[in-house]
Amino acid sequence: MRFLTSFSFYLLLGFCITYINPAFAQENEKEMPQTEASDEQDLYVPDKGFHLGVIIGAYWANRNTAYLYDGYGYDIYGQRNSFVNSVLRDQIVNVYGGGNGGVDYIAQLLNVNPGDWTFTESDMPVNLRYTTTYVVGLNTRYRIDKKSAILLNINGTKLNVNGKFTITALNTTGAGNGLGNGFNNTPRINQFAIVGSEQRLMFQFGYQRLLGKNKRLNFLVEAGMNIIMSKAQKNQAVFTSDFNGGANNFTIDLMNVYRQSQYYYYSAKYFTGVGIGAFAGLGINFNINPKYSIQLLYNPSYDRITLGYAPTFKLQNACGFRVYYNLSY
């Protein structure tokens, strides 16, 4: 009896194993395609449709148009002024330097007696350049297929310009005591800043292509035309000194001078403009999921910035981080 009981137990166990194992295998076979299908769904991106995106990055402007902020200005015929007729010299020598019989604020700033300073053509600003700045924009694309897209981007940036000019102070020892003694003829060269700011709005229309067969990670290239709206906003000469605790510091707003009636001709013509150019792009595209993709991009452009009297095509550089949202998913 005991043998029959043991035999019956093992027979029942073998039957259960024989029955359950194929069933388990069938369940696995049913589940595997579902898992693969789920993975495919996670990677699936519609072939066509609109994507809305934003970009933020850094922008390096070519220094070619920075001379616009050097203080020379233009005459009523649109010709660049000579040093004698320059706006900066007129403000320093005649307006703030007492050349028209007024107070010599330059002497007070430098802590010398009135007239004991010089400002010549060699003191005018040189090596003006734009500083590195930001670029932000609204970027859209329409995907023609999985690899190709038409681009329409609107990017903006605000540029800052920096340069230096000098004024030489004479009779510097004991300067400003009004006693007429204790002076020497050792000149002191004082350096001051000239600054400017400018806005640019760029409209880009072009083509983007993804390279490679990977469904998530690809190289990308893009190219197209660029339309640039530019406007000079600020141009100032900044006079600072440590004498008297900086009590005599002041700023000359050259842009306000340019807005006066005698300068209106060139201020309207040379301080705003619309130019054209071409842009390109090289970067990496990563599809996070069907809704979102991100791109790291180097984006140079070859543009004609229509500011100043002699605009030419020059290379600008930018790089950024772009995020797209798939509106068609």
C-alpha atoms as a PDB file:
ATOM      1  CA  MET A   1       0.000   0.000   0.000  1.00  0.00           C
ATOM      2  CA  ARG A   2       2.784   2.385   0.927  1.00  0.00           C
ATOM      3  CA  PHE A   3       4.504   1.637  -2.397  1.00  0.00           C
ATOM      4  CA  LEU A   4       1.311   2.422  -4.308  1.00  0.00           C
ATOM      5  CA  THR A   5       0.949   5.702  -2.442  1.00  0.00           C
ATOM      6  CA  SER A   6       4.549   6.759  -3.270  1.00  0.00           C
ATOM      7  CA  PHE A   7       4.111   5.662  -6.858  1.00  0.00           C
ATOM      8  CA  SER A   8       0.874   7.631  -7.165  1.00  0.00           C
ATOM      9  CA  PHE A   9       2.574  10.777  -5.761  1.00  0.00           C
ATOM     10  CA  TYR A  10       5.463  10.663  -8.214  1.00  0.00           C
ATOM     11  CA  LEU A  11       3.104   9.875 -11.093  1.00  0.00           C
ATOM     12  CA  LEU A  12       0.979  12.899 -10.212  1.00  0.00           C
ATOM     13  CA  LEU A  13       4.091  15.098  -9.885  1.00  0.00           C
ATOM     14  CA  GLY A  14       5.365  14.008 -13.289  1.00  0.00           C
ATOM     15  CA  PHE A  15       1.973  14.702 -14.849  1.00  0.00           C
ATOM     16  CA  CYS A  16       1.891  18.216 -13.387  1.00  0.00           C
ATOM     17  CA  ILE A  17       5.384  19.011 -14.634  1.00  0.00           C
ATOM     18  CA  THR A  18       4.575  17.689 -18.092  1.00  0.00           C
ATOM     19  CA  TYR A  19       1.403  19.772 -18.247  1.00  0.00           C
ATOM     20  CA  ILE A  20       2.647  23.034 -16.699  1.00  0.00           C
ATOM     21  CA  ASN A  21       5.963  23.317 -18.578  1.00  0.00           C
ATOM     22  CA  PRO A  22       4.435  23.567 -22.107  1.00  0.00           C
ATOM     23  CA  ALA A  23       1.833  26.003 -20.786  1.00  0.00           C
ATOM     24  CA  PHE A  24       4.573  28.164 -19.261  1.00  0.00           C
ATOM     25  CA  ALA A  25       6.515  28.044 -22.515  1.00  0.00           C
ATOM     26  CA  GLN A  26       3.419  29.114 -24.445  1.00  0.00           C
ATOM     27  CA  GLU A  27       2.877  32.022 -22.071  1.00  0.00           C
ATOM     28  CA  ASN A  28       6.487  33.147 -22.599  1.00  0.00           C
ATOM     29  CA  GLU A  29       6.038  32.965 -26.356  1.00  0.00           C
ATOM     30  CA  LYS A  30       2.944  35.133 -26.072  1.00  0.00           C
ATOM     31  CA  GLU A  31       4.681  37.690 -23.844  1.00  0.00           C
ATOM     32  CA  MET A  32       7.878  38.092 -25.879  1.00  0.00           C
ATOM     33  CA  PRO A  33       6.275  39.666 -28.947  1.00  0.00           C
ATOM     34  CA  GLN A  34       4.384  42.057 -26.655  1.00  0.00           C
ATOM     35  CA  THR A  35       7.641  43.215 -25.034  1.00  0.00           C
ATOM     36  CA  GLU A  36       9.303  43.721 -28.393  1.00  0.00           C
ATOM     37  CA  ALA A  37       6.262  45.565 -29.640  1.00  0.00           C
ATOM     38  CA  SER A  38       6.400  47.798 -26.574  1.00  0.00           C
ATOM     39  CA  ASP A  39      10.052  48.620 -27.252  1.00  0.00           C
ATOM     40  CA  GLU A  40       9.250  49.405 -30.861  1.00  0.00           C
ATOM     41  CA  GLN A  41       6.448  51.680 -29.716  1.00  0.00           C
ATOM     42  CA  ASP A  42       8.831  53.547 -27.394  1.00  0.00           C
ATOM     43  CA  LEU A  43      11.171  54.217 -30.305  1.00  0.00           C
ATOM     44  CA  TYR A  44       8.517  55.016 -32.860  1.00  0.00           C
ATOM     45  CA  VAL A  45       8.449  58.566 -34.210  1.00  0.00           C
ATOM     46  CA  PRO A  46       5.896  59.592 -36.885  1.00  0.00           C
ATOM     47  CA  ASP A  47       7.447  60.070 -40.293  1.00  0.00           C
ATOM     48  CA  LYS A  48       5.743  63.432 -40.875  1.00  0.00           C
ATOM     49  CA  GLY A  49       4.556  66.310 -38.747  1.00  0.00           C
ATOM     50  CA  PHE A  50       5.377  69.569 -36.983  1.00  0.00           C
ATOM     51  CA  HIS A  51       7.869  69.861 -34.149  1.00  0.00           C
ATOM     52  CA  LEU A  52       8.029  72.949 -31.918  1.00  0.00           C
ATOM     53  CA  GLY A  53      11.316  73.753 -30.214  1.00  0.00           C
ATOM     54  CA  VAL A  54      13.458  76.240 -28.310  1.00  0.00           C
ATOM     55  CA  ILE A  55      17.186  76.873 -28.416  1.00  0.00           C
ATOM     56  CA  ILE A  56      19.565  78.526 -25.972  1.00  0.00           C
ATOM     57  CA  GLY A  57      23.288  78.953 -26.429  1.00  0.00           C
ATOM     58  CA  ALA A  58      26.284  81.227 -26.916  1.00  0.00           C
ATOM     59  CA  TYR A  59      26.923  83.702 -29.749  1.00  0.00           C
ATOM     60  CA  TRP A  60      30.190  85.197 -31.013  1.00  0.00           C
ATOM     61  CA  ALA A  61      29.720  88.182 -33.348  1.00  0.00           C
ATOM     62  CA  ASN A  62      32.335  89.195 -35.877  1.00  0.00           C
ATOM     63  CA  ARG A  63      34.065  92.401 -34.809  1.00  0.00           C
ATOM     64  CA  ASN A  64      33.745  93.976 -38.266  1.00  0.00           C
ATOM     65  CA  THR A  65      30.790  96.228 -37.329  1.00  0.00           C
ATOM     66  CA  ALA A  66      32.096  97.137 -33.854  1.00  0.00           C
ATOM     67  CA  TYR A  67      33.786 100.261 -35.309  1.00  0.00           C
ATOM     68  CA  LEU A  68      30.304 101.817 -35.417  1.00  0.00           C
ATOM     69  CA  TYR A  69      30.753 102.563 -31.704  1.00  0.00           C
ATOM     70  CA  ASP A  70      34.231 104.174 -31.922  1.00  0.00           C
ATOM     71  CA  GLY A  71      33.023 107.764 -31.526  1.00  0.00           C
ATOM     72  CA  TYR A  72      33.912 109.097 -34.985  1.00  0.00           C
ATOM     73  CA  GLY A  73      30.378 109.314 -36.363  1.00  0.00           C
ATOM     74  CA  TYR A  74      29.401 110.576 -39.818  1.00  0.00           C
ATOM     75  CA  ASP A  75      28.723 113.907 -41.467  1.00  0.00           C
ATOM     76  CA  ILE A  76      25.439 115.019 -43.047  1.00  0.00           C
ATOM     77  CA  TYR A  77      26.482 113.345 -46.303  1.00  0.00           C
ATOM     78  CA  GLY A  78      26.982 109.971 -44.645  1.00  0.00           C
ATOM     79  CA  GLN A  79      30.778 110.093 -44.787  1.00  0.00           C
ATOM     80  CA  ARG A  80      32.823 109.004 -41.775  1.00  0.00           C
ATOM     81  CA  ASN A  81      34.121 112.000 -39.834  1.00  0.00           C
ATOM     82  CA  SER A  82      37.774 112.919 -39.553  1.00  0.00           C
ATOM     83  CA  PHE A  83      39.236 113.127 -36.062  1.00  0.00           C
ATOM     84  CA  VAL A  84      38.799 116.912 -35.938  1.00  0.00           C
ATOM     85  CA  ASN A  85      35.097 116.570 -36.685  1.00  0.00           C
ATOM     86  CA  SER A  86      34.521 113.416 -34.662  1.00  0.00           C
ATOM     87  CA  VAL A  87      31.670 113.323 -32.178  1.00  0.00           C
ATOM     88  CA  LEU A  88      33.830 111.994 -29.329  1.00  0.00           C
ATOM     89  CA  ARG A  89      36.455 114.741 -29.746  1.00  0.00           C
ATOM     90  CA  ASP A  90      33.771 117.417 -29.882  1.00  0.00           C
ATOM     91  CA  GLN A  91      32.219 116.150 -26.646  1.00  0.00           C
ATOM     92  CA  ILE A  92      35.554 115.802 -24.815  1.00  0.00           C
ATOM     93  CA  VAL A  93      37.254 119.000 -25.997  1.00  0.00           C
ATOM     94  CA  ASN A  94      34.403 121.445 -26.557  1.00  0.00           C
ATOM     95  CA  VAL A  95      31.473 120.322 -24.407  1.00  0.00           C
ATOM     96  CA  TYR A  96      33.097 118.703 -21.334  1.00  0.00           C
ATOM     97  CA  GLY A  97      36.595 120.170 -21.716  1.00  0.00           C
ATOM     98  CA  GLY A  98      35.663 123.834 -21.577  1.00  0.00           C
ATOM     99  CA  GLY A  99      36.597 124.502 -25.215  1.00  0.00           C
ATOM    100  CA  ASN A 100      33.524 126.663 -25.687  1.00  0.00           C
ATOM    101  CA  GLY A 101      34.209 128.713 -22.601  1.00  0.00           C
ATOM    102  CA  GLY A 102      32.471 126.401 -20.153  1.00  0.00           C
ATOM    103  CA  VAL A 103      33.671 124.402 -17.161  1.00  0.00           C
ATOM    104  CA  ASP A 104      36.595 122.036 -17.775  1.00  0.00           C
ATOM    105  CA  TYR A 105      35.097 118.829 -16.349  1.00  0.00           C
ATOM    106  CA  ILE A 106      37.920 116.790 -17.879  1.00  0.00           C
ATOM    107  CA  ALA A 107      40.487 118.677 -15.751  1.00  0.00           C
ATOM    108  CA  GLN A 108      38.396 118.088 -12.643  1.00  0.00           C
ATOM    109  CA  LEU A 109      38.195 114.385 -13.470  1.00  0.00           C
ATOM    110  CA  LEU A 110      41.965 114.100 -13.987  1.00  0.00           C
ATOM    111  CA  ASN A 111      42.768 116.311 -10.974  1.00  0.00           C
ATOM    112  CA  VAL A 112      44.766 118.834 -13.033  1.00  0.00           C
ATOM    113  CA  ASN A 113      44.394 122.517 -13.756  1.00  0.00           C
ATOM    114  CA  PRO A 114      42.094 123.525 -16.643  1.00  0.00           C
ATOM    115  CA  GLY A 115      43.732 122.823 -19.991  1.00  0.00           C
ATOM    116  CA  ASP A 116      46.520 120.667 -18.551  1.00  0.00           C
ATOM    117  CA  TRP A 117      45.551 117.643 -20.615  1.00  0.00           C
ATOM    118  CA  THR A 118      45.531 116.552 -24.264  1.00  0.00           C
ATOM    119  CA  PHE A 119      43.298 114.427 -26.443  1.00  0.00           C
ATOM    120  CA  THR A 120      44.700 113.581 -29.890  1.00  0.00           C
ATOM    121  CA  GLU A 121      43.835 111.200 -32.704  1.00  0.00           C
ATOM    122  CA  SER A 122      46.114 108.544 -31.210  1.00  0.00           C
ATOM    123  CA  ASP A 123      43.860 108.583 -28.120  1.00  0.00           C
ATOM    124  CA  MET A 124      40.745 107.557 -30.060  1.00  0.00           C
ATOM    125  CA  PRO A 125      39.221 104.104 -29.374  1.00  0.00           C
ATOM    126  CA  VAL A 126      40.861 101.113 -31.056  1.00  0.00           C
ATOM    127  CA  ASN A 127      40.342  97.344 -31.013  1.00  0.00           C
ATOM    128  CA  LEU A 128      36.636  97.514 -30.317  1.00  0.00           C
ATOM    129  CA  ARG A 129      35.075  94.072 -30.168  1.00  0.00           C
ATOM    130  CA  TYR A 130      31.873  92.292 -29.236  1.00  0.00           C
ATOM    131  CA  THR A 131      31.880  90.224 -26.070  1.00  0.00           C
ATOM    132  CA  THR A 132      30.566  86.661 -25.967  1.00  0.00           C
ATOM    133  CA  THR A 133      26.826  86.721 -25.398  1.00  0.00           C
ATOM    134  CA  TYR A 134      23.729  84.532 -25.453  1.00  0.00           C
ATOM    135  CA  VAL A 135      21.346  83.486 -28.217  1.00  0.00           C
ATOM    136  CA  VAL A 136      17.777  82.281 -27.611  1.00  0.00           C
ATOM    137  CA  GLY A 137      15.074  81.388 -30.066  1.00  0.00           C
ATOM    138  CA  LEU A 138      11.889  79.670 -31.108  1.00  0.00           C
ATOM    139  CA  ASN A 139      12.666  76.862 -33.582  1.00  0.00           C
ATOM    140  CA  THR A 140      10.193  74.807 -35.615  1.00  0.00           C
ATOM    141  CA  ARG A 141      10.559  72.020 -38.142  1.00  0.00           C
ATOM    142  CA  TYR A 142       8.281  70.003 -40.388  1.00  0.00           C
ATOM    143  CA  ARG A 143       9.459  66.419 -40.855  1.00  0.00           C
ATOM    144  CA  ILE A 144       9.171  65.248 -44.430  1.00  0.00           C
ATOM    145  CA  ASP A 145      10.236  61.740 -43.406  1.00  0.00           C
ATOM    146  CA  LYS A 146      12.247  60.089 -40.638  1.00  0.00           C
ATOM    147  CA  LYS A 147      15.492  61.724 -41.782  1.00  0.00           C
ATOM    148  CA  SER A 148      14.563  65.045 -43.406  1.00  0.00           C
ATOM    149  CA  ALA A 149      12.898  68.219 -42.161  1.00  0.00           C
ATOM    150  CA  ILE A 150      12.191  71.805 -43.226  1.00  0.00           C
ATOM    151  CA  LEU A 151      13.308  74.419 -40.657  1.00  0.00           C
ATOM    152  CA  LEU A 152      11.892  77.799 -39.666  1.00  0.00           C
ATOM    153  CA  ASN A 153      13.793  79.442 -36.789  1.00  0.00           C
ATOM    154  CA  ILE A 154      13.570  82.827 -35.075  1.00  0.00           C
ATOM    155  CA  ASN A 155      16.616  83.599 -32.910  1.00  0.00           C
ATOM    156  CA  GLY A 156      17.562  86.724 -31.009  1.00  0.00           C
ATOM    157  CA  THR A 157      20.595  88.096 -29.221  1.00  0.00           C
ATOM    158  CA  LYS A 158      21.812  91.263 -27.508  1.00  0.00           C
ATOM    159  CA  LEU A 159      25.433  92.217 -28.118  1.00  0.00           C
ATOM    160  CA  ASN A 160      27.782  94.324 -26.023  1.00  0.00           C
ATOM    161  CA  VAL A 161      30.779  96.225 -27.421  1.00  0.00           C
ATOM    162  CA  ASN A 162      33.835  97.252 -25.414  1.00  0.00           C
ATOM    163  CA  GLY A 163      36.798  99.430 -26.274  1.00  0.00           C
ATOM    164  CA  LYS A 164      39.278 101.845 -24.710  1.00  0.00           C
ATOM    165  CA  PHE A 165      40.379 105.433 -25.333  1.00  0.00           C
ATOM    166  CA  THR A 166      42.898 107.612 -23.506  1.00  0.00           C
ATOM    167  CA  ILE A 167      43.447 111.174 -22.301  1.00  0.00           C
ATOM    168  CA  THR A 168      46.913 112.394 -21.293  1.00  0.00           C
ATOM    169  CA  ALA A 169      47.194 114.566 -18.176  1.00  0.00           C
ATOM    170  CA  LEU A 170      50.096 117.079 -17.930  1.00  0.00           C
ATOM    171  CA  ASN A 171      51.734 118.703 -14.878  1.00  0.00           C
ATOM    172  CA  THR A 172      50.458 115.911 -12.709  1.00  0.00           C
ATOM    173  CA  THR A 173      52.367 116.408  -9.415  1.00  0.00           C
ATOM    174  CA  GLY A 174      50.404 118.689  -7.106  1.00  0.00           C
ATOM    175  CA  ALA A 175      47.788 119.023  -9.824  1.00  0.00           C
ATOM    176  CA  GLY A 176      44.648 120.895  -9.041  1.00  0.00           C
ATOM    177  CA  ASN A 177      45.983 122.878  -6.055  1.00  0.00           C
ATOM    178  CA  GLY A 178      45.550 126.138  -7.934  1.00  0.00           C
ATOM    179  CA  LEU A 179      48.866 127.525  -6.629  1.00  0.00           C
ATOM    180  CA  GLY A 180      50.819 127.199  -9.838  1.00  0.00           C
ATOM    181  CA  ASN A 181      53.770 125.440  -8.216  1.00  0.00           C
ATOM    182  CA  GLY A 182      54.928 121.951  -7.389  1.00  0.00           C
ATOM    183  CA  PHE A 183      54.201 120.612 -10.921  1.00  0.00           C
ATOM    184  CA  ASN A 184      56.321 118.450 -13.190  1.00  0.00           C
ATOM    185  CA  ASN A 185      55.964 117.651 -16.876  1.00  0.00           C
ATOM    186  CA  THR A 186      55.626 113.904 -16.509  1.00  0.00           C
ATOM    187  CA  PRO A 187      52.521 112.937 -18.481  1.00  0.00           C
ATOM    188  CA  ARG A 188      49.982 110.505 -17.064  1.00  0.00           C
ATOM    189  CA  ILE A 189      47.985 108.477 -19.571  1.00  0.00           C
ATOM    190  CA  ASN A 190      44.462 107.833 -18.329  1.00  0.00           C
ATOM    191  CA  GLN A 191      42.419 105.064 -19.905  1.00  0.00           C
ATOM    192  CA  PHE A 192      38.619 105.114 -20.198  1.00  0.00           C
ATOM    193  CA  ALA A 193      35.971 102.806 -21.600  1.00  0.00           C
ATOM    194  CA  ILE A 194      33.714 103.243 -24.588  1.00  0.00           C
ATOM    195  CA  VAL A 195      30.793 100.825 -24.724  1.00  0.00           C
ATOM    196  CA  GLY A 196      27.893  99.967 -26.977  1.00  0.00           C
ATOM    197  CA  SER A 197      25.003  97.563 -27.239  1.00  0.00           C
ATOM    198  CA  GLU A 198      23.124  96.121 -30.200  1.00  0.00           C
ATOM    199  CA  GLN A 199      20.166  93.858 -30.847  1.00  0.00           C
ATOM    200  CA  ARG A 200      19.924  91.257 -33.605  1.00  0.00           C
ATOM    201  CA  LEU A 201      16.905  89.239 -34.660  1.00  0.00           C
ATOM    202  CA  MET A 202      17.590  86.360 -37.072  1.00  0.00           C
ATOM    203  CA  PHE A 203      15.056  84.541 -39.251  1.00  0.00           C
ATOM    204  CA  GLN A 204      16.331  81.223 -40.624  1.00  0.00           C
ATOM    205  CA  PHE A 205      14.726  79.071 -43.298  1.00  0.00           C
ATOM    206  CA  GLY A 206      16.472  75.833 -44.202  1.00  0.00           C
ATOM    207  CA  TYR A 207      16.782  72.064 -44.376  1.00  0.00           C
ATOM    208  CA  GLN A 208      17.828  69.529 -41.720  1.00  0.00           C
ATOM    209  CA  ARG A 209      19.053  65.970 -42.298  1.00  0.00           C
ATOM    210  CA  LEU A 210      19.653  63.207 -39.739  1.00  0.00           C
ATOM    211  CA  LEU A 211      22.492  60.801 -40.513  1.00  0.00           C
ATOM    212  CA  GLY A 212      22.774  57.137 -39.559  1.00  0.00           C
ATOM    213  CA  LYS A 213      20.317  54.292 -38.922  1.00  0.00           C
ATOM    214  CA  ASN A 214      20.165  54.372 -35.140  1.00  0.00           C
ATOM    215  CA  LYS A 215      16.636  55.087 -33.907  1.00  0.00           C
ATOM    216  CA  ARG A 216      17.748  57.178 -30.950  1.00  0.00           C
ATOM    217  CA  LEU A 217      21.136  58.782 -31.660  1.00  0.00           C
ATOM    218  CA  ASN A 218      22.148  60.472 -34.919  1.00  0.00           C
ATOM    219  CA  PHE A 219      24.461  63.076 -36.329  1.00  0.00           C
ATOM    220  CA  LEU A 220      22.695  65.990 -37.994  1.00  0.00           C
ATOM    221  CA  VAL A 221      23.499  68.608 -40.614  1.00  0.00           C
ATOM    222  CA  GLU A 222      21.457  71.638 -41.621  1.00  0.00           C
ATOM    223  CA  ALA A 223      21.767  74.680 -43.866  1.00  0.00           C
ATOM    224  CA  GLY A 224      19.695  77.543 -45.198  1.00  0.00           C
ATOM    225  CA  MET A 225      19.269  81.295 -45.599  1.00  0.00           C
ATOM    226  CA  ASN A 226      19.398  83.903 -42.865  1.00  0.00           C
ATOM    227  CA  ILE A 227      17.716  87.324 -42.608  1.00  0.00           C
ATOM    228  CA  ILE A 228      19.136  89.577 -39.868  1.00  0.00           C
ATOM    229  CA  MET A 229      17.498  92.667 -38.394  1.00  0.00           C
ATOM    230  CA  SER A 230      20.027  94.777 -36.465  1.00  0.00           C
ATOM    231  CA  LYS A 231      19.722  97.882 -34.325  1.00  0.00           C
ATOM    232  CA  ALA A 232      22.354  99.827 -32.388  1.00  0.00           C
ATOM    233  CA  GLN A 233      20.913 100.778 -29.002  1.00  0.00           C
ATOM    234  CA  LYS A 234      23.647 102.315 -26.867  1.00  0.00           C
ATOM    235  CA  ASN A 235      26.977 104.070 -27.302  1.00  0.00           C
ATOM    236  CA  GLN A 236      28.585 105.693 -24.270  1.00  0.00           C
ATOM    237  CA  ALA A 237      31.963 107.067 -23.228  1.00  0.00           C
ATOM    238  CA  VAL A 238      32.481 106.293 -19.532  1.00  0.00           C
ATOM    239  CA  PHE A 239      34.788 108.612 -17.545  1.00  0.00           C
ATOM    240  CA  THR A 240      35.861 107.234 -14.162  1.00  0.00           C
ATOM    241  CA  SER A 241      38.674 108.315 -11.861  1.00  0.00           C
ATOM    242  CA  ASP A 242      39.852 107.520  -8.336  1.00  0.00           C
ATOM    243  CA  PHE A 243      40.608 111.171  -7.600  1.00  0.00           C
ATOM    244  CA  ASN A 244      38.339 112.796  -5.042  1.00  0.00           C
ATOM    245  CA  GLY A 245      36.698 109.445  -4.409  1.00  0.00           C
ATOM    246  CA  GLY A 246      35.257 109.357  -7.905  1.00  0.00           C
ATOM    247  CA  ALA A 247      33.087 112.410  -7.230  1.00  0.00           C
ATOM    248  CA  ASN A 248      33.787 113.816 -10.715  1.00  0.00           C
ATOM    249  CA  ASN A 249      32.915 110.664 -12.686  1.00  0.00           C
ATOM    250  CA  PHE A 250      30.465 111.074 -15.559  1.00  0.00           C
ATOM    251  CA  THR A 251      29.207 109.402 -18.735  1.00  0.00           C
ATOM    252  CA  ILE A 252      28.712 110.901 -22.199  1.00  0.00           C
ATOM    253  CA  ASP A 253      25.757 109.398 -24.066  1.00  0.00           C
ATOM    254  CA  LEU A 254      26.944 109.460 -27.676  1.00  0.00           C
ATOM    255  CA  MET A 255      23.749 107.844 -28.905  1.00  0.00           C
ATOM    256  CA  ASN A 256      21.803 110.807 -27.579  1.00  0.00           C
ATOM    257  CA  VAL A 257      24.133 113.084 -29.560  1.00  0.00           C
ATOM    258  CA  TYR A 258      23.492 111.054 -32.703  1.00  0.00           C
ATOM    259  CA  ARG A 259      19.749 111.576 -32.280  1.00  0.00           C
ATOM    260  CA  GLN A 260      20.128 115.333 -32.679  1.00  0.00           C
ATOM    261  CA  SER A 261      18.871 116.886 -35.890  1.00  0.00           C
ATOM    262  CA  GLN A 262      22.268 117.459 -37.538  1.00  0.00           C
ATOM    263  CA  TYR A 263      23.070 113.750 -37.233  1.00  0.00           C
ATOM    264  CA  TYR A 264      19.640 112.352 -38.073  1.00  0.00           C
ATOM    265  CA  TYR A 265      20.601 111.395 -41.631  1.00  0.00           C
ATOM    266  CA  TYR A 266      23.160 108.788 -40.673  1.00  0.00           C
ATOM    267  CA  SER A 267      21.611 107.728 -37.367  1.00  0.00           C
ATOM    268  CA  ALA A 268      18.533 106.500 -39.228  1.00  0.00           C
ATOM    269  CA  LYS A 269      20.558 104.974 -42.052  1.00  0.00           C
ATOM    270  CA  TYR A 270      23.545 103.418 -40.276  1.00  0.00           C
ATOM    271  CA  PHE A 271      22.200 102.438 -36.851  1.00  0.00           C
ATOM    272  CA  THR A 272      19.443 100.125 -38.095  1.00  0.00           C
ATOM    273  CA  GLY A 273      19.326  97.695 -40.984  1.00  0.00           C
ATOM    274  CA  VAL A 274      18.185  94.403 -42.478  1.00  0.00           C
ATOM    275  CA  GLY A 275      20.812  92.084 -43.920  1.00  0.00           C
ATOM    276  CA  ILE A 276      21.003  88.640 -45.458  1.00  0.00           C
ATOM    277  CA  GLY A 277      23.242  85.631 -45.090  1.00  0.00           C
ATOM    278  CA  ALA A 278      23.473  81.860 -44.944  1.00  0.00           C
ATOM    279  CA  PHE A 279      23.671  79.519 -41.984  1.00  0.00           C
ATOM    280  CA  ALA A 280      24.847  75.951 -41.436  1.00  0.00           C
ATOM    281  CA  GLY A 281      24.664  73.490 -38.586  1.00  0.00           C
ATOM    282  CA  LEU A 282      26.450  70.388 -37.382  1.00  0.00           C
ATOM    283  CA  GLY A 283      25.502  68.463 -34.272  1.00  0.00           C
ATOM    284  CA  ILE A 284      24.028  65.457 -32.511  1.00  0.00           C
ATOM    285  CA  ASN A 285      20.341  64.507 -32.318  1.00  0.00           C
ATOM    286  CA  PHE A 286      18.938  62.299 -29.540  1.00  0.00           C
ATOM    287  CA  ASN A 287      15.329  61.024 -29.582  1.00  0.00           C
ATOM    288  CA  ILE A 288      14.333  60.689 -25.934  1.00  0.00           C
ATOM    289  CA  ASN A 289      10.897  59.326 -26.777  1.00  0.00           C
ATOM    290  CA  PRO A 290       8.274  59.918 -29.488  1.00  0.00           C
ATOM    291  CA  LYS A 291       7.399  63.317 -27.992  1.00  0.00           C
ATOM    292  CA  TYR A 292      10.794  64.842 -27.238  1.00  0.00           C
ATOM    293  CA  SER A 293      14.174  65.079 -28.902  1.00  0.00           C
ATOM    294  CA  ILE A 294      17.239  67.140 -28.018  1.00  0.00           C
ATOM    295  CA  GLN A 295      20.100  68.444 -30.127  1.00  0.00           C
ATOM    296  CA  LEU A 296      23.582  69.800 -29.440  1.00  0.00           C
ATOM    297  CA  LEU A 297      24.475  72.124 -32.283  1.00  0.00           C
ATOM    298  CA  TYR A 298      27.310  74.230 -33.709  1.00  0.00           C
ATOM    299  CA  ASN A 299      25.646  76.879 -35.867  1.00  0.00           C
ATOM    300  CA  PRO A 300      27.919  79.244 -37.885  1.00  0.00           C
ATOM    301  CA  SER A 301      26.528  81.829 -40.297  1.00  0.00           C
ATOM    302  CA  TYR A 302      27.972  84.021 -43.045  1.00  0.00           C
ATOM    303  CA  ASP A 303      26.066  87.289 -42.831  1.00  0.00           C
ATOM    304  CA  ARG A 304      25.997  90.838 -44.089  1.00  0.00           C
ATOM    305  CA  ILE A 305      25.136  92.964 -41.042  1.00  0.00           C
ATOM    306  CA  THR A 306      23.857  96.244 -42.477  1.00  0.00           C
ATOM    307  CA  LEU A 307      25.176  98.631 -39.834  1.00  0.00           C
ATOM    308  CA  GLY A 308      27.702 101.353 -40.543  1.00  0.00           C
ATOM    309  CA  TYR A 309      28.831 102.760 -43.857  1.00  0.00           C
ATOM    310  CA  ALA A 310      30.541  99.678 -45.358  1.00  0.00           C
ATOM    311  CA  PRO A 311      28.706  96.418 -44.496  1.00  0.00           C
ATOM    312  CA  THR A 312      30.326  93.232 -45.784  1.00  0.00           C
ATOM    313  CA  PHE A 313      29.758  89.498 -45.408  1.00  0.00           C
ATOM    314  CA  LYS A 314      31.506  88.107 -42.323  1.00  0.00           C
ATOM    315  CA  LEU A 315      31.443  84.865 -40.328  1.00  0.00           C
ATOM    316  CA  GLN A 316      29.472  84.725 -37.058  1.00  0.00           C
ATOM    317  CA  ASN A 317      29.566  81.724 -34.709  1.00  0.00           C
ATOM    318  CA  ALA A 318      27.050  80.178 -32.326  1.00  0.00           C
ATOM    319  CA  CYS A 319      26.479  76.940 -30.467  1.00  0.00           C
ATOM    320  CA  GLY A 320      23.480  75.806 -28.498  1.00  0.00           C
ATOM    321  CA  PHE A 321      21.166  73.273 -26.930  1.00  0.00           C
ATOM    322  CA  ARG A 322      17.859  72.708 -28.747  1.00  0.00           C
ATOM    323  CA  VAL A 323      14.756  70.847 -27.552  1.00  0.00           C
ATOM    324  CA  TYR A 324      11.920  69.770 -29.883  1.00  0.00           C
ATOM    325  CA  TYR A 325       8.376  68.740 -28.940  1.00  0.00           C
ATOM    326  CA  ASN A 326       6.520  66.569 -31.460  1.00  0.00           C
ATOM    327  CA  LEU A 327       3.105  68.165 -32.079  1.00  0.00           C
ATOM    328  CA  SER A 328       2.060  65.307 -34.376  1.00  0.00           C
ATOM    329  CA  TYR A 329       2.423  62.474 -31.867  1.00  0.00           C
END
